[in-house]
């Protein structure tokens, strides 16, 4: 999940931006940092994944998307201001999450938070996250975390976008708070 505010300093450039970019059918990227940089990264990864899927004749793996994003971020770490989270579902690994912070390190994690608002919610997330949560519990957890970040961080705000990715497909929704 993500908020929707894009700011340039103290100016809010967009109140309802979509910071969750689809990379392939069941693979998504949460973007933070420079909107231009992260949009370019997602465009390149989307293109490479599409070509890869055609070449191998099956949907790409989430770790392939993460490796592509990592390569772009790490190779260009001096020019990019981008922190991304790659998440999705594939037949080989099921659901998986990878975090790629500034600098281009790629780590598989059970969950990830990022962006300017994340500094305000580490304690909440550490306290409330539990492995094996139901879909309803996950939605509540993410909604509460993003709501708290939006309340504390002046660069976060707007609406909350949620994406549920599973073997059955993708369900997107947005919430106003």
N, C-alpha and C. Protein backbone atom coordinates (compact mmCIF):
# COMPACT_ATOMS: atom_id res chain seq x y z
N UNK A 1 0.82 -1.19 0.00
CA UNK A 1 0.00 0.00 0.00
C UNK A 1 0.85 1.24 0.00
N UNK A 2 0.28 2.34 -0.40
CA UNK A 2 1.01 3.61 -0.47
C UNK A 2 0.06 4.78 -0.37
N UNK A 3 0.62 5.92 0.03
CA UNK A 3 -0.15 7.17 -0.01
C UNK A 3 -0.10 7.68 -1.45
N UNK A 4 -0.62 8.88 -1.68
CA UNK A 4 -0.69 9.36 -3.07
C UNK A 4 -0.10 10.76 -3.27
N UNK A 5 0.52 11.32 -2.25
CA UNK A 5 1.03 12.70 -2.37
C UNK A 5 2.43 12.71 -2.99
N UNK A 6 2.59 13.58 -3.98
CA UNK A 6 3.90 13.84 -4.58
C UNK A 6 4.22 15.30 -4.32
N UNK A 7 5.36 15.53 -3.67
CA UNK A 7 5.72 16.91 -3.34
C UNK A 7 7.09 17.26 -3.90
N UNK A 8 7.27 18.56 -4.12
CA UNK A 8 8.57 19.10 -4.51
C UNK A 8 8.89 20.18 -3.49
N UNK A 9 9.64 19.79 -2.48
CA UNK A 9 9.87 20.69 -1.36
C UNK A 9 8.59 20.84 -0.57
N UNK A 10 8.14 22.08 -0.38
CA UNK A 10 6.90 22.32 0.37
C UNK A 10 5.68 22.38 -0.55
N UNK A 11 5.90 22.32 -1.86
CA UNK A 11 4.80 22.38 -2.83
C UNK A 11 4.29 20.97 -3.13
N UNK A 12 2.97 20.78 -3.03
CA UNK A 12 2.37 19.49 -3.35
C UNK A 12 2.05 19.49 -4.85
N UNK A 13 2.81 18.69 -5.60
CA UNK A 13 2.68 18.65 -7.06
C UNK A 13 1.49 17.82 -7.51
N UNK A 14 1.16 16.77 -6.75
CA UNK A 14 0.05 15.88 -7.11
C UNK A 14 -0.51 15.27 -5.84
N UNK A 15 -1.82 15.37 -5.65
CA UNK A 15 -2.46 14.82 -4.45
C UNK A 15 -2.91 13.38 -4.62
N UNK A 16 -3.05 12.92 -5.86
CA UNK A 16 -3.58 11.57 -6.08
C UNK A 16 -2.73 10.77 -7.08
N UNK A 17 -1.45 10.85 -6.95
CA UNK A 17 -0.55 10.07 -7.79
C UNK A 17 -0.64 8.59 -7.43
N UNK A 18 -0.34 7.73 -8.37
CA UNK A 18 -0.33 6.29 -8.11
C UNK A 18 1.12 5.85 -7.96
N UNK A 19 1.55 5.64 -6.72
CA UNK A 19 2.93 5.26 -6.43
C UNK A 19 3.13 3.75 -6.48
N UNK A 20 2.09 3.01 -6.85
CA UNK A 20 2.18 1.56 -6.99
C UNK A 20 2.06 1.24 -8.48
N UNK A 21 3.19 0.90 -9.09
CA UNK A 21 3.24 0.68 -10.54
C UNK A 21 3.23 -0.80 -10.87
N UNK A 22 2.37 -1.19 -11.79
CA UNK A 22 2.36 -2.57 -12.27
C UNK A 22 3.56 -2.83 -13.17
N UNK A 23 4.29 -3.91 -12.90
CA UNK A 23 5.43 -4.28 -13.74
C UNK A 23 5.09 -5.44 -14.66
N UNK A 24 4.23 -6.33 -14.19
CA UNK A 24 3.71 -7.44 -14.97
C UNK A 24 2.40 -7.85 -14.31
N UNK A 25 1.76 -8.89 -14.81
CA UNK A 25 0.42 -9.26 -14.34
C UNK A 25 0.32 -9.34 -12.81
N UNK A 26 1.30 -9.97 -12.16
CA UNK A 26 1.24 -10.16 -10.71
C UNK A 26 2.49 -9.65 -10.00
N UNK A 27 3.11 -8.62 -10.58
CA UNK A 27 4.30 -8.03 -9.98
C UNK A 27 4.13 -6.51 -9.97
N UNK A 28 4.36 -5.89 -8.81
CA UNK A 28 4.18 -4.45 -8.65
C UNK A 28 5.39 -3.82 -7.96
N UNK A 29 5.52 -2.52 -8.16
CA UNK A 29 6.59 -1.75 -7.54
C UNK A 29 5.98 -0.58 -6.77
N UNK A 30 6.33 -0.47 -5.48
CA UNK A 30 6.01 0.73 -4.70
C UNK A 30 7.20 1.66 -4.84
N UNK A 31 6.93 2.91 -5.19
CA UNK A 31 7.98 3.86 -5.52
C UNK A 31 8.09 4.95 -4.48
N UNK A 32 9.34 5.31 -4.10
CA UNK A 32 9.58 6.48 -3.26
C UNK A 32 10.88 7.14 -3.69
N UNK A 33 10.96 8.43 -3.43
CA UNK A 33 12.12 9.20 -3.88
C UNK A 33 11.70 10.11 -5.02
N UNK A 34 12.56 10.27 -5.98
CA UNK A 34 12.25 11.11 -7.14
C UNK A 34 11.20 10.42 -8.01
N UNK A 35 10.08 11.09 -8.24
CA UNK A 35 9.02 10.50 -9.07
C UNK A 35 9.53 10.21 -10.47
N UNK A 36 10.31 11.13 -11.04
CA UNK A 36 10.83 10.93 -12.39
C UNK A 36 11.76 9.72 -12.45
N UNK A 37 12.65 9.58 -11.45
CA UNK A 37 13.58 8.45 -11.43
C UNK A 37 12.84 7.13 -11.27
N UNK A 38 11.90 7.07 -10.32
CA UNK A 38 11.21 5.80 -10.07
C UNK A 38 10.27 5.44 -11.21
N UNK A 39 9.68 6.41 -11.87
CA UNK A 39 8.86 6.12 -13.05
C UNK A 39 9.71 5.56 -14.17
N UNK A 40 10.91 6.12 -14.37
CA UNK A 40 11.81 5.60 -15.40
C UNK A 40 12.24 4.18 -15.07
N UNK A 41 12.57 3.92 -13.81
CA UNK A 41 12.96 2.56 -13.40
C UNK A 41 11.82 1.59 -13.67
N UNK A 42 10.61 1.95 -13.27
CA UNK A 42 9.47 1.04 -13.48
C UNK A 42 9.20 0.83 -14.97
N UNK A 43 9.36 1.85 -15.78
CA UNK A 43 9.17 1.71 -17.23
C UNK A 43 10.19 0.74 -17.82
N UNK A 44 11.47 0.88 -17.44
CA UNK A 44 12.50 -0.04 -17.95
C UNK A 44 12.24 -1.47 -17.50
N UNK A 45 11.94 -1.66 -16.21
CA UNK A 45 11.71 -3.01 -15.68
C UNK A 45 10.48 -3.62 -16.36
N UNK A 46 9.43 -2.85 -16.55
CA UNK A 46 8.23 -3.34 -17.23
C UNK A 46 8.57 -3.82 -18.65
N UNK A 47 9.35 -3.01 -19.36
CA UNK A 47 9.76 -3.37 -20.72
C UNK A 47 10.59 -4.66 -20.73
N UNK A 48 11.60 -4.74 -19.85
CA UNK A 48 12.46 -5.92 -19.80
C UNK A 48 11.68 -7.17 -19.39
N UNK A 49 10.76 -7.04 -18.45
CA UNK A 49 9.96 -8.19 -18.03
C UNK A 49 9.05 -8.67 -19.14
N UNK A 50 8.46 -7.74 -19.87
CA UNK A 50 7.59 -8.11 -20.98
C UNK A 50 8.37 -8.89 -22.03
N UNK A 51 9.55 -8.40 -22.37
CA UNK A 51 10.41 -9.10 -23.35
C UNK A 51 10.84 -10.46 -22.82
N UNK A 52 11.23 -10.50 -21.55
CA UNK A 52 11.65 -11.76 -20.91
C UNK A 52 10.53 -12.79 -20.93
N UNK A 53 9.32 -12.36 -20.59
CA UNK A 53 8.17 -13.28 -20.58
C UNK A 53 7.92 -13.86 -21.97
N UNK A 54 8.06 -13.04 -23.00
CA UNK A 54 7.88 -13.54 -24.37
C UNK A 54 8.97 -14.54 -24.74
N UNK A 55 10.19 -14.27 -24.32
CA UNK A 55 11.31 -15.17 -24.66
C UNK A 55 11.21 -16.52 -23.96
N UNK A 56 10.81 -16.53 -22.69
CA UNK A 56 10.75 -17.79 -21.95
C UNK A 56 9.38 -18.46 -22.04
N UNK A 57 8.38 -17.73 -22.52
CA UNK A 57 7.06 -18.32 -22.71
C UNK A 57 6.25 -18.53 -21.45
N UNK A 58 6.60 -17.84 -20.38
CA UNK A 58 5.82 -17.93 -19.14
C UNK A 58 6.00 -16.65 -18.35
N UNK A 59 5.14 -16.41 -17.35
CA UNK A 59 5.26 -15.18 -16.56
C UNK A 59 6.60 -15.11 -15.84
N UNK A 60 7.14 -13.91 -15.67
CA UNK A 60 8.42 -13.76 -14.98
C UNK A 60 8.30 -13.99 -13.48
N UNK A 61 9.41 -14.28 -12.86
CA UNK A 61 9.46 -14.43 -11.40
C UNK A 61 9.59 -13.05 -10.75
N UNK A 62 9.10 -12.95 -9.53
CA UNK A 62 9.22 -11.69 -8.79
C UNK A 62 10.69 -11.36 -8.57
N UNK A 63 11.50 -12.39 -8.28
CA UNK A 63 12.92 -12.13 -8.05
C UNK A 63 13.62 -11.65 -9.31
N UNK A 64 13.11 -11.99 -10.48
CA UNK A 64 13.67 -11.47 -11.73
C UNK A 64 13.41 -9.97 -11.83
N UNK A 65 12.19 -9.57 -11.50
CA UNK A 65 11.85 -8.13 -11.49
C UNK A 65 12.73 -7.39 -10.50
N UNK A 66 12.92 -7.97 -9.31
CA UNK A 66 13.75 -7.33 -8.29
C UNK A 66 15.20 -7.23 -8.77
N UNK A 67 15.70 -8.27 -9.42
CA UNK A 67 17.08 -8.25 -9.91
C UNK A 67 17.26 -7.18 -10.99
N UNK A 68 16.28 -7.02 -11.85
CA UNK A 68 16.34 -5.99 -12.89
C UNK A 68 16.34 -4.59 -12.26
N UNK A 69 15.43 -4.37 -11.31
CA UNK A 69 15.36 -3.06 -10.65
C UNK A 69 16.65 -2.78 -9.88
N UNK A 70 17.17 -3.80 -9.23
CA UNK A 70 18.43 -3.65 -8.48
C UNK A 70 19.56 -3.25 -9.42
N UNK A 71 19.64 -3.91 -10.55
CA UNK A 71 20.72 -3.62 -11.51
C UNK A 71 20.66 -2.16 -11.97
N UNK A 72 19.45 -1.69 -12.27
CA UNK A 72 19.28 -0.30 -12.71
C UNK A 72 19.64 0.65 -11.58
N UNK A 73 19.14 0.39 -10.38
CA UNK A 73 19.40 1.27 -9.23
C UNK A 73 20.86 1.28 -8.84
N UNK A 74 21.49 0.10 -8.80
CA UNK A 74 22.88 0.02 -8.37
C UNK A 74 23.82 0.63 -9.41
N UNK A 75 23.59 0.31 -10.67
CA UNK A 75 24.44 0.83 -11.74
C UNK A 75 24.39 2.35 -11.83
N UNK A 76 23.24 2.91 -11.47
CA UNK A 76 23.05 4.36 -11.57
C UNK A 76 22.90 5.03 -10.21
N UNK A 77 23.49 4.44 -9.18
CA UNK A 77 23.27 4.93 -7.81
C UNK A 77 23.73 6.37 -7.58
N UNK A 78 24.66 6.86 -8.37
CA UNK A 78 25.11 8.24 -8.20
C UNK A 78 24.15 9.24 -8.85
N UNK A 79 23.30 8.77 -9.77
CA UNK A 79 22.39 9.67 -10.48
C UNK A 79 20.93 9.56 -10.04
N UNK A 80 20.57 8.46 -9.39
CA UNK A 80 19.16 8.23 -9.04
C UNK A 80 18.87 8.51 -7.57
N UNK A 81 17.68 8.99 -7.31
CA UNK A 81 17.17 9.13 -5.95
C UNK A 81 15.91 8.25 -5.90
N UNK A 82 16.14 6.97 -5.66
CA UNK A 82 15.04 6.01 -5.76
C UNK A 82 15.16 4.91 -4.72
N UNK A 83 14.08 4.72 -3.98
CA UNK A 83 13.93 3.58 -3.10
C UNK A 83 12.67 2.87 -3.53
N UNK A 84 12.75 1.57 -3.84
CA UNK A 84 11.58 0.86 -4.35
C UNK A 84 11.37 -0.45 -3.59
N UNK A 85 10.14 -0.90 -3.63
CA UNK A 85 9.76 -2.19 -3.08
C UNK A 85 9.12 -2.97 -4.22
N UNK A 86 9.62 -4.17 -4.48
CA UNK A 86 9.05 -5.04 -5.51
C UNK A 86 8.31 -6.16 -4.79
N UNK A 87 7.05 -6.36 -5.15
CA UNK A 87 6.26 -7.42 -4.53
C UNK A 87 5.40 -8.08 -5.58
N UNK A 88 5.10 -9.35 -5.35
CA UNK A 88 4.25 -10.04 -6.31
C UNK A 88 4.08 -11.50 -5.96
N UNK A 89 3.50 -12.20 -6.92
CA UNK A 89 3.23 -13.63 -6.77
C UNK A 89 3.69 -14.34 -8.03
N UNK A 90 4.40 -15.46 -7.86
CA UNK A 90 4.74 -16.32 -8.99
C UNK A 90 4.61 -17.78 -8.56
N UNK A 91 4.55 -18.66 -9.54
CA UNK A 91 4.33 -20.09 -9.25
C UNK A 91 5.52 -20.73 -8.54
N UNK A 92 6.72 -20.22 -8.74
CA UNK A 92 7.91 -20.82 -8.13
C UNK A 92 8.03 -20.51 -6.64
N UNK A 93 7.83 -19.25 -6.27
CA UNK A 93 8.07 -18.84 -4.89
C UNK A 93 6.82 -18.40 -4.14
N UNK A 94 5.68 -18.34 -4.79
CA UNK A 94 4.48 -17.83 -4.16
C UNK A 94 4.59 -16.32 -4.00
N UNK A 95 4.08 -15.79 -2.91
CA UNK A 95 4.18 -14.36 -2.66
C UNK A 95 5.56 -13.99 -2.14
N UNK A 96 6.12 -12.91 -2.66
CA UNK A 96 7.44 -12.48 -2.19
C UNK A 96 7.57 -10.97 -2.27
N UNK A 97 8.47 -10.45 -1.43
CA UNK A 97 8.71 -9.01 -1.32
C UNK A 97 10.22 -8.78 -1.32
N UNK A 98 10.66 -7.78 -2.08
CA UNK A 98 12.06 -7.38 -2.12
C UNK A 98 12.13 -5.87 -1.91
N UNK A 99 13.07 -5.43 -1.10
CA UNK A 99 13.26 -3.99 -0.89
C UNK A 99 14.59 -3.59 -1.52
N UNK A 100 14.56 -2.46 -2.25
CA UNK A 100 15.75 -1.91 -2.88
C UNK A 100 15.85 -0.45 -2.43
N UNK A 101 16.60 -0.19 -1.34
CA UNK A 101 16.73 1.19 -0.86
C UNK A 101 17.72 1.97 -1.71
N UNK A 102 17.91 3.25 -1.36
CA UNK A 102 18.89 4.09 -2.05
C UNK A 102 20.23 3.35 -2.12
N UNK A 103 20.86 3.36 -3.27
CA UNK A 103 22.14 2.69 -3.44
C UNK A 103 22.05 1.38 -4.19
N UNK A 104 20.88 0.74 -4.19
CA UNK A 104 20.67 -0.42 -5.03
C UNK A 104 20.88 -1.79 -4.42
N UNK A 105 20.96 -1.89 -3.11
CA UNK A 105 21.01 -3.20 -2.47
C UNK A 105 19.64 -3.85 -2.64
N UNK A 106 19.61 -5.17 -2.84
CA UNK A 106 18.32 -5.86 -3.00
C UNK A 106 18.22 -6.95 -1.94
N UNK A 107 17.18 -6.86 -1.12
CA UNK A 107 17.00 -7.81 -0.03
C UNK A 107 15.61 -8.44 -0.06
N UNK A 108 15.53 -9.78 0.01
CA UNK A 108 14.22 -10.41 0.18
C UNK A 108 13.79 -10.24 1.63
N UNK A 109 12.56 -9.82 1.84
CA UNK A 109 12.06 -9.54 3.19
C UNK A 109 10.63 -10.04 3.34
N UNK A 110 10.17 -10.29 4.57
CA UNK A 110 8.77 -10.70 4.74
C UNK A 110 7.80 -9.56 4.51
N UNK A 111 8.25 -8.31 4.76
CA UNK A 111 7.47 -7.10 4.48
C UNK A 111 8.45 -5.95 4.37
N UNK A 112 8.00 -4.83 3.83
CA UNK A 112 8.90 -3.69 3.69
C UNK A 112 8.12 -2.39 3.84
N UNK A 113 8.82 -1.37 4.34
CA UNK A 113 8.27 -0.02 4.36
C UNK A 113 9.34 0.91 3.78
N UNK A 114 8.90 2.01 3.20
CA UNK A 114 9.85 2.94 2.61
C UNK A 114 9.22 4.30 2.41
N UNK A 115 10.02 5.24 1.97
CA UNK A 115 9.54 6.59 1.74
C UNK A 115 9.71 7.46 2.96
N UNK A 116 9.43 8.74 2.77
CA UNK A 116 9.66 9.70 3.85
C UNK A 116 8.79 9.44 5.08
N UNK A 117 7.60 8.92 4.91
CA UNK A 117 6.72 8.65 6.03
C UNK A 117 7.09 7.42 6.83
N UNK A 118 7.95 6.57 6.28
CA UNK A 118 8.29 5.31 6.95
C UNK A 118 9.03 5.54 8.27
N UNK A 119 9.78 6.63 8.36
CA UNK A 119 10.53 6.88 9.59
C UNK A 119 9.61 7.07 10.80
N UNK A 120 8.37 7.45 10.55
CA UNK A 120 7.42 7.70 11.63
C UNK A 120 6.69 6.43 12.10
N UNK A 121 6.83 5.33 11.36
CA UNK A 121 6.00 4.17 11.68
C UNK A 121 6.77 2.90 12.00
N UNK A 122 8.08 2.97 12.13
CA UNK A 122 8.85 1.75 12.43
C UNK A 122 8.38 1.09 13.72
N UNK A 123 8.16 1.85 14.77
CA UNK A 123 7.70 1.28 16.03
C UNK A 123 6.35 0.61 15.89
N UNK A 124 5.43 1.28 15.20
CA UNK A 124 4.10 0.71 14.98
C UNK A 124 4.20 -0.61 14.20
N UNK A 125 4.99 -0.60 13.14
CA UNK A 125 5.12 -1.79 12.29
C UNK A 125 5.77 -2.93 13.08
N UNK A 126 6.84 -2.63 13.81
CA UNK A 126 7.49 -3.67 14.61
C UNK A 126 6.54 -4.28 15.63
N UNK A 127 5.68 -3.44 16.19
CA UNK A 127 4.73 -3.90 17.21
C UNK A 127 3.56 -4.68 16.62
N UNK A 128 3.07 -4.27 15.46
CA UNK A 128 1.82 -4.83 14.93
C UNK A 128 1.99 -5.94 13.89
N UNK A 129 3.13 -6.03 13.22
CA UNK A 129 3.31 -7.05 12.17
C UNK A 129 3.37 -8.43 12.79
N UNK A 130 2.62 -9.35 12.17
CA UNK A 130 2.65 -10.75 12.58
C UNK A 130 2.63 -11.60 11.31
N UNK A 131 3.53 -12.54 11.22
CA UNK A 131 3.57 -13.43 10.07
C UNK A 131 2.26 -14.23 10.00
N UNK A 132 1.79 -14.51 8.79
CA UNK A 132 0.59 -15.33 8.61
C UNK A 132 -0.72 -14.61 8.81
N UNK A 133 -0.74 -13.28 8.70
CA UNK A 133 -1.99 -12.54 8.86
C UNK A 133 -2.97 -12.88 7.72
N UNK A 134 -4.24 -12.78 8.01
CA UNK A 134 -5.28 -12.97 6.98
C UNK A 134 -5.30 -11.74 6.08
N UNK A 135 -6.01 -11.82 4.97
CA UNK A 135 -6.12 -10.68 4.06
C UNK A 135 -6.73 -9.47 4.78
N UNK A 136 -7.77 -9.69 5.55
CA UNK A 136 -8.40 -8.59 6.28
C UNK A 136 -7.43 -7.96 7.28
N UNK A 137 -6.67 -8.80 7.98
CA UNK A 137 -5.68 -8.29 8.94
C UNK A 137 -4.58 -7.50 8.22
N UNK A 138 -4.15 -7.99 7.06
CA UNK A 138 -3.12 -7.29 6.28
C UNK A 138 -3.62 -5.92 5.83
N UNK A 139 -4.84 -5.87 5.33
CA UNK A 139 -5.40 -4.59 4.88
C UNK A 139 -5.48 -3.60 6.04
N UNK A 140 -5.92 -4.08 7.20
CA UNK A 140 -6.01 -3.22 8.38
C UNK A 140 -4.62 -2.75 8.80
N UNK A 141 -3.66 -3.65 8.80
CA UNK A 141 -2.28 -3.32 9.17
C UNK A 141 -1.70 -2.25 8.26
N UNK A 142 -1.83 -2.44 6.94
CA UNK A 142 -1.27 -1.48 5.98
C UNK A 142 -2.00 -0.14 6.07
N UNK A 143 -3.32 -0.19 6.17
CA UNK A 143 -4.10 1.05 6.25
C UNK A 143 -3.72 1.85 7.49
N UNK A 144 -3.59 1.18 8.63
CA UNK A 144 -3.19 1.88 9.86
C UNK A 144 -1.79 2.47 9.74
N UNK A 145 -0.86 1.71 9.16
CA UNK A 145 0.52 2.19 9.02
C UNK A 145 0.60 3.41 8.11
N UNK A 146 -0.05 3.34 6.95
CA UNK A 146 0.00 4.47 6.02
C UNK A 146 -0.74 5.67 6.59
N UNK A 147 -1.84 5.45 7.28
CA UNK A 147 -2.58 6.55 7.91
C UNK A 147 -1.71 7.25 8.94
N UNK A 148 -0.97 6.50 9.76
CA UNK A 148 -0.09 7.09 10.76
C UNK A 148 1.04 7.88 10.09
N UNK A 149 1.60 7.33 9.01
CA UNK A 149 2.67 8.04 8.29
C UNK A 149 2.14 9.34 7.70
N UNK A 150 0.94 9.30 7.14
CA UNK A 150 0.34 10.50 6.54
C UNK A 150 0.05 11.56 7.60
N UNK A 151 -0.31 11.14 8.80
CA UNK A 151 -0.63 12.09 9.87
C UNK A 151 0.62 12.81 10.37
N UNK A 152 1.77 12.16 10.33
CA UNK A 152 3.00 12.72 10.89
C UNK A 152 3.90 13.41 9.85
N UNK A 153 3.88 12.92 8.62
CA UNK A 153 4.82 13.39 7.60
C UNK A 153 4.15 14.37 6.65
N UNK A 154 4.67 15.57 6.57
CA UNK A 154 4.09 16.59 5.69
C UNK A 154 4.22 16.28 4.21
N UNK A 155 5.13 15.37 3.85
CA UNK A 155 5.29 14.99 2.44
C UNK A 155 4.43 13.80 2.06
N UNK A 156 3.71 13.23 3.00
CA UNK A 156 2.81 12.12 2.73
C UNK A 156 1.37 12.60 2.88
N UNK A 157 0.46 11.98 2.15
CA UNK A 157 -0.95 12.37 2.26
C UNK A 157 -1.75 11.89 1.09
N UNK A 158 -2.95 12.46 0.94
CA UNK A 158 -3.84 12.08 -0.15
C UNK A 158 -4.69 10.90 0.22
N UNK A 159 -4.74 9.93 -0.68
CA UNK A 159 -5.51 8.71 -0.45
C UNK A 159 -4.56 7.55 -0.22
N UNK A 160 -5.10 6.42 0.21
CA UNK A 160 -4.31 5.20 0.40
C UNK A 160 -4.67 4.24 -0.71
N UNK A 161 -3.66 3.76 -1.41
CA UNK A 161 -3.87 2.75 -2.45
C UNK A 161 -3.39 1.40 -1.92
N UNK A 162 -4.25 0.40 -2.00
CA UNK A 162 -3.91 -0.96 -1.57
C UNK A 162 -3.92 -1.87 -2.79
N UNK A 163 -2.98 -2.81 -2.81
CA UNK A 163 -2.92 -3.81 -3.88
C UNK A 163 -2.75 -5.16 -3.22
N UNK A 164 -3.65 -6.09 -3.50
CA UNK A 164 -3.55 -7.46 -3.01
C UNK A 164 -3.19 -8.34 -4.20
N UNK A 165 -2.05 -9.02 -4.10
CA UNK A 165 -1.57 -9.87 -5.19
C UNK A 165 -1.56 -11.30 -4.68
N UNK A 166 -2.24 -12.21 -5.39
CA UNK A 166 -2.30 -13.60 -4.97
C UNK A 166 -2.32 -14.50 -6.20
N UNK A 167 -2.40 -15.80 -5.96
CA UNK A 167 -2.47 -16.76 -7.07
C UNK A 167 -3.71 -16.50 -7.93
N UNK A 168 -4.76 -15.97 -7.32
CA UNK A 168 -6.01 -15.72 -8.03
C UNK A 168 -6.00 -14.46 -8.87
N UNK A 169 -5.02 -13.59 -8.67
CA UNK A 169 -4.97 -12.35 -9.44
C UNK A 169 -4.65 -11.16 -8.55
N UNK A 170 -5.03 -9.99 -9.04
CA UNK A 170 -4.70 -8.74 -8.37
C UNK A 170 -5.99 -7.98 -8.06
N UNK A 171 -6.07 -7.45 -6.85
CA UNK A 171 -7.21 -6.64 -6.43
C UNK A 171 -6.66 -5.30 -5.96
N UNK A 172 -7.05 -4.22 -6.65
CA UNK A 172 -6.62 -2.87 -6.28
C UNK A 172 -7.79 -2.12 -5.69
N UNK A 173 -7.51 -1.32 -4.67
CA UNK A 173 -8.54 -0.46 -4.10
C UNK A 173 -7.89 0.80 -3.54
N UNK A 174 -8.70 1.81 -3.34
CA UNK A 174 -8.19 3.02 -2.69
C UNK A 174 -9.15 3.42 -1.58
N UNK A 175 -8.55 4.05 -0.57
CA UNK A 175 -9.30 4.46 0.60
C UNK A 175 -9.04 5.93 0.87
N UNK A 176 -10.07 6.65 1.25
CA UNK A 176 -9.89 8.03 1.68
C UNK A 176 -9.86 8.04 3.20
N UNK A 177 -9.03 8.87 3.76
CA UNK A 177 -8.93 8.94 5.22
C UNK A 177 -9.12 10.36 5.69
